[in-house]
């Protein structure tokens, strides 16, 4: 039940960066409040702060002018109310929130979000006000009944006036290009070679893509387009490269030492570009890593530059990072029966985050656990990732997994001792094998006319993942589990494959682990653990058609029992 309105407080405290005086705004946050504010994946959390929170003493959120996005999360003491949301940014820094500066308007009881359009020519640091208000439309000023107002600082892009674009592209080593946004976004990847358009490809099914016909000496430009108002329009920045020039050296970063090294000595400059700030050049000393006073929390791009045919050119792919934040992405996997598993550190403050059909349904600390089971629903689309709290902010530190029960598990893959991957289904099914090597897709092959495939360019020093995809709802989507092999695969994925047939008989692949054990779970409780060393198949003697079963294998490894197979349900 809502409680009596609290009295309006005194004037808002001002950040030293803000010379303007802003109007007061306060609600009553006894029953509902703003729990989290996120800009471009950087988050700040809070609780009930008496109806108003002045967070302008915190580090500012960084806007780029390209694909910026604001996300707001509510908190409730008991009942979840449908709230009215509003957000404003004082772009002209005149101390007032005009109607033209409203960047979000929404209604709901869960997470809301919206893109931020930054006006051309904006620069400096200014104030952002967010408001969650029950029972009436959010307004930037004045007292109101129930809800909360919070003020933050945002750092605007420099005044170059780049157009506001909803997506951003990043060039990666090997001339791979990664994009922002989600799988399923209706986008076209465009490639231009020496000023001539040579490719326009559906980009909905990939967050990373690659043009396979790169030729040395050619100049390439890549961007995204979308069909808007009857025509195709550019919706991302443009990335450019020249094979043989842009890849002369590769850069690596030592986050502990704050240095950046190149794969080969070069004469020229290091180029340091702070996102939304100025670009600096520092002379390179042959063989000496770059040392620079990077500011904590700032996003940077660094590249090597040298004279090529009398012109200063980038001779490396830019190295993008955020100072002070984790450099290695955690590997997140969706295992059999949609069990989630990650390889992140147990001693870090990590959170599971799950979205269902675009709405956040879970944000939960891992508590050091590497696995999570969640009641995923048939026909729903999910996005899952891991966040880490660093310096008071929540940052995505894993890859994001997309899946949909009933679609992602249509086909089952298993792998034999000779690395042959076999699939379920029938000859003629419109499917494609996808082979990934060290995180890059190296082969896509028609699987319609074969039930098994072996990738012959195998390198035991590299990591591989294999899955099936098919064209579904306008783009290619994964329709099978993922199997791994190669370097360190045994450290993460099951050592045994496990299947169950129509007679509820479990069958396992071969192996010699000590204390290999069948585990039978009935309606959520383990009812049997049976030694499996001397039998390849087993059927639970007390099976009942009215019960729900899950089964797996475990073995005694490194001093304790570990699961060594997928989980099968029947």
Protein backbone atom coordinates (compact mmCIF):
# COMPACT_ATOMS: atom_id res chain seq x y z
CA UNK A 1 0.00 0.00 0.00
CA UNK A 2 1.28 3.47 -0.81
CA UNK A 3 2.00 5.70 2.14
CA UNK A 4 1.62 9.38 2.86
CA UNK A 5 3.62 11.76 0.67
CA UNK A 6 6.86 12.89 2.26
CA UNK A 7 7.56 16.60 2.44
CA UNK A 8 9.52 18.21 -0.36
CA UNK A 9 13.20 18.48 0.59
CA UNK A 10 15.58 21.33 0.22
CA UNK A 11 17.22 22.44 -3.00
CA UNK A 12 19.29 19.88 -4.86
CA UNK A 13 23.01 19.74 -4.19
CA UNK A 14 25.13 20.77 -7.17
CA UNK A 15 28.07 18.92 -8.62
CA UNK A 16 31.18 21.09 -9.02
CA UNK A 17 30.94 20.37 -12.77
CA UNK A 18 27.49 21.87 -12.99
CA UNK A 19 27.28 25.63 -12.69
CA UNK A 20 23.56 25.75 -13.53
CA UNK A 21 20.81 25.59 -10.89
CA UNK A 22 18.20 22.93 -11.60
CA UNK A 23 14.58 22.75 -10.50
CA UNK A 24 13.60 20.52 -7.59
CA UNK A 25 11.90 17.17 -8.16
CA UNK A 26 10.99 14.66 -5.45
CA UNK A 27 8.52 11.84 -4.84
CA UNK A 28 7.90 9.29 -2.09
CA UNK A 29 9.99 6.14 -2.53
CA UNK A 30 8.65 4.15 0.40
CA UNK A 31 6.99 1.57 -1.86
CA UNK A 32 8.77 1.95 -5.22
CA UNK A 33 12.04 3.45 -6.39
CA UNK A 34 14.61 3.53 -9.18
CA UNK A 35 16.88 0.51 -8.62
CA UNK A 36 19.28 0.85 -11.55
CA UNK A 37 20.31 3.19 -14.34
CA UNK A 38 22.39 1.92 -17.26
CA UNK A 39 23.90 3.76 -20.23
CA UNK A 40 25.62 1.70 -22.94
CA UNK A 41 25.96 -1.24 -20.52
CA UNK A 42 27.55 0.78 -17.70
CA UNK A 43 25.22 0.67 -14.68
CA UNK A 44 24.76 2.41 -11.36
CA UNK A 45 22.49 0.88 -8.73
CA UNK A 46 20.59 2.45 -5.85
CA UNK A 47 17.74 1.81 -3.43
CA UNK A 48 15.02 3.86 -1.82
CA UNK A 49 16.55 7.32 -1.31
CA UNK A 50 13.65 9.29 0.14
CA UNK A 51 12.21 10.23 -3.22
CA UNK A 52 15.33 11.87 -4.67
CA UNK A 53 18.95 10.86 -5.28
CA UNK A 54 21.69 13.26 -6.34
CA UNK A 55 24.24 10.96 -7.97
CA UNK A 56 26.17 13.72 -9.76
CA UNK A 57 29.16 12.98 -7.54
CA UNK A 58 29.58 9.64 -9.32
CA UNK A 59 31.67 9.25 -12.51
CA UNK A 60 29.66 10.42 -15.54
CA UNK A 61 28.06 8.06 -18.01
CA UNK A 62 29.76 8.29 -21.42
CA UNK A 63 27.70 9.06 -24.52
CA UNK A 64 29.22 8.44 -27.95
CA UNK A 65 26.68 9.92 -30.33
CA UNK A 66 26.40 6.52 -32.04
CA UNK A 67 23.99 3.87 -30.82
CA UNK A 68 23.72 5.17 -27.24
CA UNK A 69 21.04 3.45 -25.13
CA UNK A 70 19.47 4.19 -21.74
CA UNK A 71 17.96 1.45 -19.56
CA UNK A 72 16.04 1.99 -16.30
CA UNK A 73 15.15 -0.66 -13.73
CA UNK A 74 12.49 -0.30 -10.98
CA UNK A 75 12.58 -1.59 -7.41
CA UNK A 76 9.54 -2.44 -5.27
CA UNK A 77 9.05 -3.14 -1.59
CA UNK A 78 6.09 -5.48 -2.13
CA UNK A 79 3.64 -4.98 -5.02
CA UNK A 80 4.93 -4.28 -8.53
CA UNK A 81 3.16 -1.16 -9.84
CA UNK A 82 2.86 0.05 -13.42
CA UNK A 83 5.09 3.12 -13.42
CA UNK A 84 5.43 6.13 -15.71
CA UNK A 85 9.02 6.83 -16.72
CA UNK A 86 10.74 9.90 -18.07
CA UNK A 87 14.34 10.92 -18.68
CA UNK A 88 15.87 14.22 -19.75
CA UNK A 89 19.41 15.34 -20.65
CA UNK A 90 20.32 19.03 -20.53
CA UNK A 91 22.12 18.99 -23.88
CA UNK A 92 22.41 22.79 -24.15
CA UNK A 93 23.53 23.00 -20.48
CA UNK A 94 21.30 25.96 -19.65
CA UNK A 95 20.06 24.52 -16.32
CA UNK A 96 16.64 23.58 -17.67
CA UNK A 97 15.09 20.35 -18.98
CA UNK A 98 13.14 21.32 -22.10
CA UNK A 99 10.62 19.08 -23.84
CA UNK A 100 13.07 18.66 -26.75
CA UNK A 101 15.60 17.19 -24.28
CA UNK A 102 13.35 14.31 -23.25
CA UNK A 103 15.17 11.11 -24.24
CA UNK A 104 12.84 8.47 -22.76
CA UNK A 105 9.14 8.10 -22.11
CA UNK A 106 7.79 4.68 -21.13
CA UNK A 107 5.33 2.82 -18.93
CA UNK A 108 5.66 -0.54 -17.20
CA UNK A 109 6.55 -2.55 -14.10
CA UNK A 110 9.84 -4.00 -15.38
CA UNK A 111 12.93 -2.71 -17.17
CA UNK A 112 12.37 0.03 -19.76
CA UNK A 113 14.86 1.32 -22.31
CA UNK A 114 15.22 3.70 -25.24
CA UNK A 115 17.92 4.94 -27.64
CA UNK A 116 19.50 8.32 -26.90
CA UNK A 117 19.70 10.74 -29.82
CA UNK A 118 22.53 13.20 -29.15
CA UNK A 119 22.10 16.55 -30.97
CA UNK A 120 24.85 17.45 -33.41
CA UNK A 121 27.54 19.66 -31.88
CA UNK A 122 26.96 18.56 -28.28
CA UNK A 123 30.04 18.55 -26.03
CA UNK A 124 31.06 18.70 -22.38
CA UNK A 125 29.54 17.19 -19.23
CA UNK A 126 25.93 17.80 -18.27
CA UNK A 127 23.07 16.52 -16.13
CA UNK A 128 20.64 13.70 -16.82
CA UNK A 129 17.44 13.42 -14.80
CA UNK A 130 15.44 10.18 -14.63
CA UNK A 131 12.05 9.81 -12.98
CA UNK A 132 9.81 6.87 -12.08
CA UNK A 133 6.34 8.10 -11.15
CA UNK A 134 3.12 6.30 -10.28
CA UNK A 135 -0.31 7.58 -11.32
CA UNK A 136 0.69 10.47 -13.60
CA UNK A 137 2.97 11.34 -16.52
CA UNK A 138 6.59 11.93 -15.53
CA UNK A 139 7.60 15.61 -15.40
CA UNK A 140 11.11 17.00 -14.87
CA UNK A 141 10.19 19.41 -12.07
CA UNK A 142 8.00 19.55 -8.96
CA UNK A 143 6.85 17.35 -6.11
CA UNK A 144 4.66 14.32 -6.77
CA UNK A 145 3.01 11.48 -4.91
CA UNK A 146 4.78 8.18 -5.38
CA UNK A 147 8.05 7.32 -7.05
CA UNK A 148 11.57 8.70 -7.26
CA UNK A 149 13.79 11.12 -9.17
CA UNK A 150 17.53 10.63 -9.68
CA UNK A 151 20.13 12.96 -11.20
CA UNK A 152 23.34 11.79 -12.91
CA UNK A 153 26.12 13.28 -14.98
CA UNK A 154 26.66 12.32 -18.61
CA UNK A 155 29.70 13.10 -20.71
CA UNK A 156 28.67 14.19 -24.18
CA UNK A 157 30.63 13.39 -27.35
CA UNK A 158 33.01 16.02 -28.68
CA UNK A 159 31.55 18.80 -30.78
CA UNK A 160 32.42 17.23 -34.12
CA UNK A 161 28.71 16.68 -34.68
CA UNK A 162 28.68 13.10 -35.92
CA UNK A 163 25.18 11.95 -36.87
CA UNK A 164 23.25 9.98 -34.32
CA UNK A 165 23.10 6.32 -35.38
CA UNK A 166 21.35 3.44 -33.58
CA UNK A 167 24.09 0.83 -34.21
CA UNK A 168 27.85 0.79 -33.86
CA UNK A 169 30.43 -1.32 -35.70
CA UNK A 170 33.85 -2.28 -34.34
CA UNK A 171 36.73 -3.54 -36.48
CA UNK A 172 38.54 -6.55 -34.99
CA UNK A 173 41.73 -8.48 -35.88
CA UNK A 174 41.43 -10.50 -39.08
CA UNK A 175 39.02 -7.83 -40.38
CA UNK A 176 36.09 -9.27 -38.48
CA UNK A 177 33.40 -6.70 -37.72
CA UNK A 178 31.20 -6.85 -34.61
CA UNK A 179 27.99 -4.88 -34.19
CA UNK A 180 25.82 -3.65 -31.37
CA UNK A 181 22.15 -4.59 -31.07
CA UNK A 182 20.53 -8.01 -30.80
CA UNK A 183 20.13 -11.08 -32.98
CA UNK A 184 17.02 -10.74 -35.10
CA UNK A 185 17.44 -7.01 -35.75
CA UNK A 186 16.47 -6.40 -39.39
CA UNK A 187 19.80 -5.21 -40.78
CA UNK A 188 21.88 -5.47 -43.94
CA UNK A 189 25.69 -5.61 -43.89
CA UNK A 190 27.12 -3.55 -46.74
CA UNK A 191 30.68 -3.93 -48.08
CA UNK A 192 32.28 -1.43 -50.43
CA UNK A 193 35.55 -2.20 -52.29
CA UNK A 194 37.46 0.72 -53.82
CA UNK A 195 34.27 2.77 -53.84
CA UNK A 196 32.11 0.06 -55.43
CA UNK A 197 29.41 -1.80 -53.50
CA UNK A 198 30.25 -5.53 -53.64
CA UNK A 199 28.00 -7.06 -50.95
CA UNK A 200 24.68 -6.53 -49.22
CA UNK A 201 23.95 -9.41 -46.83
CA UNK A 202 21.28 -10.11 -44.21
CA UNK A 203 22.96 -9.35 -40.84
CA UNK A 204 20.08 -10.32 -38.53
CA UNK A 205 21.60 -13.70 -37.61
CA UNK A 206 25.14 -12.52 -36.75
CA UNK A 207 26.67 -10.16 -34.21
CA UNK A 208 30.10 -10.72 -35.82
CA UNK A 209 30.66 -10.98 -39.54
CA UNK A 210 33.46 -11.13 -42.07
CA UNK A 211 33.92 -10.36 -45.77
CA UNK A 212 35.64 -13.40 -47.27
CA UNK A 213 37.00 -11.87 -50.48
CA UNK A 214 39.40 -9.30 -49.03
CA UNK A 215 42.29 -8.58 -51.40
CA UNK A 216 45.62 -6.93 -50.61
CA UNK A 217 45.91 -3.34 -51.78
CA UNK A 218 42.14 -2.77 -51.90
CA UNK A 219 40.31 -0.25 -49.73
CA UNK A 220 37.20 -1.49 -47.91
CA UNK A 221 34.36 0.25 -46.12
CA UNK A 222 31.64 -1.62 -44.16
CA UNK A 223 28.44 -0.32 -42.60
CA UNK A 224 24.88 -1.36 -41.69
CA UNK A 225 21.65 -0.41 -43.43
CA UNK A 226 17.99 -0.85 -42.49
CA UNK A 227 14.77 -0.46 -44.49
CA UNK A 228 13.14 2.68 -43.06
CA UNK A 229 10.27 4.76 -44.48
CA UNK A 230 10.31 3.05 -47.86
CA UNK A 231 14.05 2.96 -48.44
CA UNK A 232 17.39 1.67 -47.13
CA UNK A 233 19.19 4.05 -44.77
CA UNK A 234 22.59 3.89 -43.07
CA UNK A 235 22.17 3.02 -39.37
CA UNK A 236 25.78 2.60 -38.20
CA UNK A 237 29.21 4.14 -38.38
CA UNK A 238 31.53 3.08 -41.21
CA UNK A 239 34.66 0.99 -40.55
CA UNK A 240 37.49 1.11 -43.07
CA UNK A 241 40.57 -1.02 -43.67
CA UNK A 242 43.19 -1.94 -46.26
CA UNK A 243 44.54 -5.53 -46.26
CA UNK A 244 48.32 -5.48 -46.25
CA UNK A 245 48.39 -2.11 -44.49
CA UNK A 246 45.87 -2.10 -41.63
CA UNK A 247 47.10 -5.52 -40.49
CA UNK A 248 50.89 -4.95 -40.58
CA UNK A 249 51.12 -5.19 -36.78
CA UNK A 250 48.81 -6.66 -34.13
CA UNK A 251 48.34 -4.97 -30.77
CA UNK A 252 48.00 -6.55 -27.33
CA UNK A 253 47.29 -4.98 -23.96
CA UNK A 254 48.71 -5.74 -20.52
CA UNK A 255 45.96 -4.37 -18.27
CA UNK A 256 48.01 -4.96 -15.09
CA UNK A 257 50.93 -2.88 -16.32
CA UNK A 258 48.84 -0.37 -18.25
CA UNK A 259 50.88 -0.93 -21.43
CA UNK A 260 50.16 -1.77 -25.07
CA UNK A 261 52.61 -3.72 -27.27
CA UNK A 262 52.83 -4.35 -31.00
CA UNK A 263 53.74 -7.64 -32.66
CA UNK A 264 56.61 -5.94 -34.50
CA UNK A 265 58.66 -2.77 -34.10
CA UNK A 266 57.52 0.18 -36.21
CA UNK A 267 58.43 3.81 -36.80
CA UNK A 268 55.56 6.21 -36.42
CA UNK A 269 53.02 7.14 -33.76
CA UNK A 270 50.77 5.56 -31.24
CA UNK A 271 47.29 7.08 -31.63
CA UNK A 272 45.15 7.28 -28.47
CA UNK A 273 41.49 8.21 -28.93
CA UNK A 274 39.34 8.65 -25.83
CA UNK A 275 35.68 8.11 -26.64
CA UNK A 276 34.01 11.50 -26.65
CA UNK A 277 37.38 13.21 -26.09
CA UNK A 278 40.42 14.39 -27.99
CA UNK A 279 42.76 12.19 -30.03
CA UNK A 280 46.45 12.23 -29.06
CA UNK A 281 49.56 11.04 -30.89
CA UNK A 282 52.67 9.81 -29.12
CA UNK A 283 55.89 8.91 -30.99
CA UNK A 284 56.61 5.18 -30.99
CA UNK A 285 60.00 3.87 -29.91
CA UNK A 286 61.02 0.72 -31.76
CA UNK A 287 60.19 -2.34 -29.68
CA UNK A 288 59.08 -0.30 -26.65
CA UNK A 289 55.47 -0.75 -25.43
CA UNK A 290 53.19 2.26 -25.15
CA UNK A 291 52.88 3.66 -21.63
CA UNK A 292 50.04 6.13 -21.13
CA UNK A 293 48.07 7.48 -18.16
CA UNK A 294 44.68 6.03 -19.09
CA UNK A 295 41.81 7.34 -16.94
CA UNK A 296 39.83 4.75 -14.99
CA UNK A 297 36.43 4.10 -16.52
CA UNK A 298 37.20 5.81 -19.85
CA UNK A 299 36.71 3.98 -23.15
CA UNK A 300 39.66 4.10 -25.54
CA UNK A 301 40.75 3.04 -28.99
CA UNK A 302 44.49 2.77 -29.63
CA UNK A 303 46.20 2.01 -32.92
CA UNK A 304 49.60 2.17 -34.59
CA UNK A 305 50.22 4.70 -37.34
CA UNK A 306 53.10 4.98 -39.83
CA UNK A 307 53.94 6.61 -43.14
CA UNK A 308 52.74 4.53 -46.11
CA UNK A 309 53.50 5.93 -49.58
CA UNK A 310 54.06 9.35 -48.07
CA UNK A 311 50.77 9.36 -46.11
CA UNK A 312 50.10 8.60 -42.45
CA UNK A 313 48.05 5.40 -42.31
CA UNK A 314 46.79 3.08 -39.59
CA UNK A 315 48.97 -0.06 -39.67
CA UNK A 316 46.97 -1.96 -37.01
CA UNK A 317 43.39 -2.69 -36.22
CA UNK A 318 42.30 -0.41 -33.34
CA UNK A 319 42.50 -1.98 -29.88
CA UNK A 320 39.29 -1.05 -28.03
CA UNK A 321 39.04 -1.28 -24.23
CA UNK A 322 37.73 0.41 -21.12
CA UNK A 323 40.40 1.23 -18.57
CA UNK A 324 40.03 -0.53 -15.24
CA UNK A 325 37.43 -3.01 -16.45
CA UNK A 326 37.85 -6.74 -17.14
CA UNK A 327 39.72 -7.44 -20.36
CA UNK A 328 38.78 -11.13 -20.83
CA UNK A 329 35.24 -12.04 -21.62
CA UNK A 330 33.78 -14.87 -19.57
CA UNK A 331 32.70 -17.83 -21.68
CA UNK A 332 28.99 -18.52 -21.18
CA UNK A 333 27.42 -21.71 -22.52
CA UNK A 334 23.89 -23.12 -22.71
CA UNK A 335 24.25 -26.84 -22.07
CA UNK A 336 21.82 -29.70 -22.50
CA UNK A 337 18.35 -29.11 -21.04
CA UNK A 338 19.14 -25.34 -21.09
CA UNK A 339 21.41 -25.41 -18.07
CA UNK A 340 23.63 -22.30 -18.00
CA UNK A 341 27.32 -22.54 -17.25
CA UNK A 342 30.17 -20.01 -17.23
CA UNK A 343 33.92 -20.18 -16.68
CA UNK A 344 34.26 -16.92 -14.74
CA UNK A 345 36.10 -16.51 -11.43
CA UNK A 346 34.30 -17.65 -8.28
CA UNK A 347 35.76 -14.82 -6.18
CA UNK A 348 34.32 -11.92 -8.21
CA UNK A 349 30.91 -10.20 -7.73
CA UNK A 350 29.14 -11.65 -10.79
CA UNK A 351 25.44 -11.55 -11.69
CA UNK A 352 23.32 -13.71 -13.97
CA UNK A 353 21.05 -11.59 -16.19
CA UNK A 354 18.18 -13.11 -18.20
CA UNK A 355 15.82 -11.40 -20.63
CA UNK A 356 12.67 -13.11 -21.87
CA UNK A 357 11.08 -11.71 -25.05
CA UNK A 358 13.01 -8.48 -24.48
CA UNK A 359 12.01 -8.05 -20.81
CA UNK A 360 14.43 -8.60 -17.93
CA UNK A 361 13.14 -11.46 -15.75
CA UNK A 362 16.22 -12.26 -13.63
CA UNK A 363 19.19 -10.39 -12.18
CA UNK A 364 20.78 -12.66 -9.58
CA UNK A 365 24.27 -12.94 -8.00
CA UNK A 366 26.07 -16.11 -9.00
CA UNK A 367 27.29 -16.60 -5.42
CA UNK A 368 30.42 -18.20 -6.83
CA UNK A 369 28.39 -20.90 -8.62
CA UNK A 370 29.32 -21.75 -12.20
CA UNK A 371 25.89 -23.17 -13.12
CA UNK A 372 22.30 -21.95 -13.09
CA UNK A 373 19.02 -23.67 -13.83
CA UNK A 374 16.05 -21.46 -14.73
CA UNK A 375 12.48 -22.42 -15.76
CA UNK A 376 12.79 -21.40 -19.42
CA UNK A 377 9.47 -21.56 -21.28
CA UNK A 378 8.76 -23.16 -24.65
CA UNK A 379 8.36 -20.66 -27.49
CA UNK A 380 9.97 -17.76 -25.60
CA UNK A 381 13.12 -16.02 -26.83
CA UNK A 382 15.92 -15.56 -24.27
CA UNK A 383 19.08 -13.52 -23.99
CA UNK A 384 21.47 -14.38 -21.14
CA UNK A 385 24.75 -12.83 -20.03
CA UNK A 386 27.04 -12.27 -17.02
CA UNK A 387 27.64 -8.89 -15.38
CA UNK A 388 30.37 -7.86 -12.95
CA UNK A 389 30.28 -5.06 -10.42
CA UNK A 390 33.40 -2.93 -10.90
CA UNK A 391 33.89 0.44 -9.24
CA UNK A 392 30.20 0.79 -8.42
CA UNK A 393 29.04 -0.05 -11.95
CA UNK A 394 27.64 -3.22 -13.53
CA UNK A 395 29.42 -4.16 -16.74
CA UNK A 396 28.68 -7.02 -19.15
CA UNK A 397 31.72 -9.32 -18.97
CA UNK A 398 30.55 -12.36 -20.92
CA UNK A 399 29.32 -13.17 -24.37
CA UNK A 400 25.52 -13.07 -24.67
CA UNK A 401 23.70 -16.32 -25.45
CA UNK A 402 20.46 -16.30 -27.44
CA UNK A 403 18.13 -19.31 -27.48
CA UNK A 404 14.50 -20.37 -27.63
CA UNK A 405 13.26 -23.68 -26.15
CA UNK A 406 11.46 -25.57 -28.87
CA UNK A 407 13.71 -24.08 -31.56
CA UNK A 408 17.30 -24.13 -30.30
CA UNK A 409 16.89 -27.80 -29.25
CA UNK A 410 15.16 -29.11 -32.39
CA UNK A 411 18.25 -31.14 -33.31
CA UNK A 412 20.84 -32.92 -31.19
CA UNK A 413 24.55 -33.11 -31.96
CA UNK A 414 27.03 -35.62 -30.55
CA UNK A 415 30.72 -36.08 -31.19
CA UNK A 416 32.76 -39.28 -31.51
CA UNK A 417 36.33 -40.07 -30.61
CA UNK A 418 37.48 -39.22 -34.16
CA UNK A 419 35.91 -35.73 -33.94
CA UNK A 420 33.06 -36.78 -36.21
CA UNK A 421 29.96 -34.74 -35.35
CA UNK A 422 26.64 -36.55 -35.84
CA UNK A 423 23.20 -34.98 -35.94
CA UNK A 424 19.65 -36.08 -35.34
CA UNK A 425 16.92 -35.50 -37.93
CA UNK A 426 16.53 -36.74 -41.48
CA UNK A 427 18.32 -36.50 -44.79
CA UNK A 428 16.85 -33.54 -46.66
CA UNK A 429 16.36 -31.29 -43.63
CA UNK A 430 17.34 -27.74 -44.62
CA UNK A 431 20.28 -27.33 -42.23
CA UNK A 432 23.78 -25.86 -42.22
CA UNK A 433 26.83 -27.00 -40.24
CA UNK A 434 28.63 -24.10 -38.54
CA UNK A 435 32.27 -24.64 -37.50
CA UNK A 436 33.88 -22.08 -35.19
CA UNK A 437 37.64 -22.02 -34.56
CA UNK A 438 39.05 -19.82 -31.77
CA UNK A 439 35.86 -17.73 -31.77
CA UNK A 440 35.80 -17.17 -35.56
CA UNK A 441 33.48 -19.00 -37.95
CA UNK A 442 35.70 -20.85 -40.44
CA UNK A 443 33.11 -22.97 -42.27
CA UNK A 444 29.42 -23.02 -43.08
CA UNK A 445 28.44 -26.20 -44.95
CA UNK A 446 25.14 -27.59 -46.25
CA UNK A 447 24.05 -30.37 -43.87
CA UNK A 448 20.90 -31.43 -45.72
CA UNK A 449 22.48 -34.48 -47.35
CA UNK A 450 24.63 -35.79 -44.48
CA UNK A 451 23.96 -36.91 -40.93
CA UNK A 452 27.61 -36.61 -39.85
CA UNK A 453 30.59 -34.42 -40.67
CA UNK A 454 34.28 -34.22 -39.72
CA UNK A 455 36.19 -30.95 -40.08
CA UNK A 456 39.54 -32.00 -41.53
CA UNK A 457 41.45 -28.76 -40.94
CA UNK A 458 41.56 -29.57 -37.25
CA UNK A 459 44.42 -28.08 -35.17
CA UNK A 460 44.70 -29.66 -31.68
CA UNK A 461 46.13 -26.39 -30.33
CA UNK A 462 42.87 -24.56 -31.12
CA UNK A 463 39.34 -24.58 -29.70
CA UNK A 464 36.34 -25.59 -31.82
CA UNK A 465 32.58 -25.30 -31.51
CA UNK A 466 30.00 -26.83 -33.87
CA UNK A 467 26.25 -26.29 -34.20
CA UNK A 468 23.42 -26.36 -36.75
CA UNK A 469 21.46 -23.42 -38.09
CA UNK A 470 18.50 -23.00 -40.41
CA UNK A 471 16.54 -20.13 -41.95
CA UNK A 472 13.72 -19.29 -39.55
CA UNK A 473 11.54 -16.15 -39.28
CA UNK A 474 13.59 -14.18 -41.77
CA UNK A 475 17.15 -15.05 -40.72
CA UNK A 476 19.42 -17.96 -39.85
CA UNK A 477 19.04 -19.19 -36.26
CA UNK A 478 20.76 -21.90 -34.23
CA UNK A 479 18.60 -25.04 -34.00
CA UNK A 480 20.86 -27.46 -32.10
CA UNK A 481 23.03 -27.80 -29.06
CA UNK A 482 26.70 -26.77 -29.34
CA UNK A 483 29.49 -29.36 -29.13
CA UNK A 484 33.13 -28.54 -28.38
CA UNK A 485 36.42 -30.19 -29.04
CA UNK A 486 40.09 -29.28 -29.33
CA UNK A 487 42.20 -27.39 -26.80
CA UNK A 488 40.84 -27.42 -23.26
CA UNK A 489 37.38 -28.62 -24.33
CA UNK A 490 37.56 -31.37 -21.71
CA UNK A 491 37.93 -28.70 -19.02
CA UNK A 492 34.52 -27.26 -19.78
CA UNK A 493 32.13 -29.48 -21.70
CA UNK A 494 31.12 -33.07 -20.87
CA UNK A 495 33.57 -35.90 -21.46
CA UNK A 496 30.76 -38.36 -22.29
CA UNK A 497 27.77 -38.15 -24.59
CA UNK A 498 24.47 -39.41 -23.21
CA UNK A 499 21.26 -40.25 -25.09
CA UNK A 500 17.85 -41.60 -24.13
CA UNK A 501 15.53 -43.54 -26.46
CA UNK A 502 11.76 -44.03 -26.64
CA UNK A 503 11.99 -46.88 -24.10
CA UNK A 504 13.72 -44.62 -21.53
CA UNK A 505 17.00 -46.50 -21.94
CA UNK A 506 20.09 -44.38 -21.32
CA UNK A 507 23.15 -45.03 -23.50
CA UNK A 508 26.57 -43.51 -22.98
CA UNK A 509 29.76 -43.22 -25.00
CA UNK A 510 32.88 -45.10 -23.88
CA UNK A 511 35.38 -43.99 -21.26
CA UNK A 512 37.55 -45.13 -18.37
CA UNK A 513 36.99 -42.62 -15.57
CA UNK A 514 37.03 -43.96 -12.02
CA UNK A 515 33.72 -44.19 -10.19
CA UNK A 516 31.69 -43.35 -13.29
CA UNK A 517 28.11 -43.16 -12.01
CA UNK A 518 24.59 -42.95 -13.44
CA UNK A 519 22.52 -40.25 -11.69
CA UNK A 520 18.72 -40.44 -11.95
CA UNK A 521 16.55 -37.48 -10.89
CA UNK A 522 12.76 -37.87 -10.54
CA UNK A 523 10.56 -34.77 -10.20
CA UNK A 524 13.54 -32.72 -9.02
CA UNK A 525 14.91 -35.22 -6.46
CA UNK A 526 17.78 -37.68 -7.00
CA UNK A 527 16.38 -41.19 -6.60
CA UNK A 528 19.32 -43.32 -7.77
CA UNK A 529 23.09 -43.24 -8.16
CA UNK A 530 24.46 -46.39 -9.79
CA UNK A 531 27.97 -47.41 -10.86
CA UNK A 532 28.24 -47.17 -14.67
CA UNK A 533 31.81 -48.35 -15.25
CA UNK A 534 30.76 -51.79 -16.49
CA UNK A 535 27.65 -50.94 -18.48
CA UNK A 536 27.05 -48.80 -21.57
CA UNK A 537 23.27 -48.62 -21.14
CA UNK A 538 20.81 -48.47 -18.27
CA UNK A 539 17.05 -48.13 -17.72
CA UNK A 540 15.75 -46.97 -14.33
CA UNK A 541 13.82 -49.95 -12.92
CA UNK A 542 11.20 -47.80 -11.15
CA UNK A 543 10.40 -45.57 -14.13
CA UNK A 544 6.85 -44.16 -14.09
CA UNK A 545 5.23 -42.51 -17.12
CA UNK A 546 3.63 -39.89 -14.89
CA UNK A 547 6.95 -38.57 -13.55
CA UNK A 548 9.55 -36.15 -14.93
CA UNK A 549 13.12 -37.46 -15.19
CA UNK A 550 16.57 -35.98 -15.71
CA UNK A 551 19.72 -38.12 -15.94
CA UNK A 552 23.46 -37.55 -16.27
CA UNK A 553 26.86 -39.12 -15.56
CA UNK A 554 29.33 -38.10 -12.88
CA UNK A 555 32.89 -39.26 -12.15
CA UNK A 556 35.49 -38.83 -9.41
CA UNK A 557 38.05 -36.37 -10.81
CA UNK A 558 40.67 -34.28 -8.96
CA UNK A 559 39.42 -35.30 -5.54
CA UNK A 560 35.70 -34.78 -5.99
CA UNK A 561 32.69 -35.85 -8.09
CA UNK A 562 32.04 -33.82 -11.25
CA UNK A 563 29.31 -34.04 -13.88
CA UNK A 564 30.87 -35.43 -17.08
CA UNK A 565 27.91 -35.64 -19.49
CA UNK A 566 25.02 -33.53 -20.73
CA UNK A 567 21.74 -33.73 -18.85
CA UNK A 568 18.97 -35.58 -20.71
CA UNK A 569 15.30 -35.11 -19.88
CA UNK A 570 12.46 -37.55 -20.46
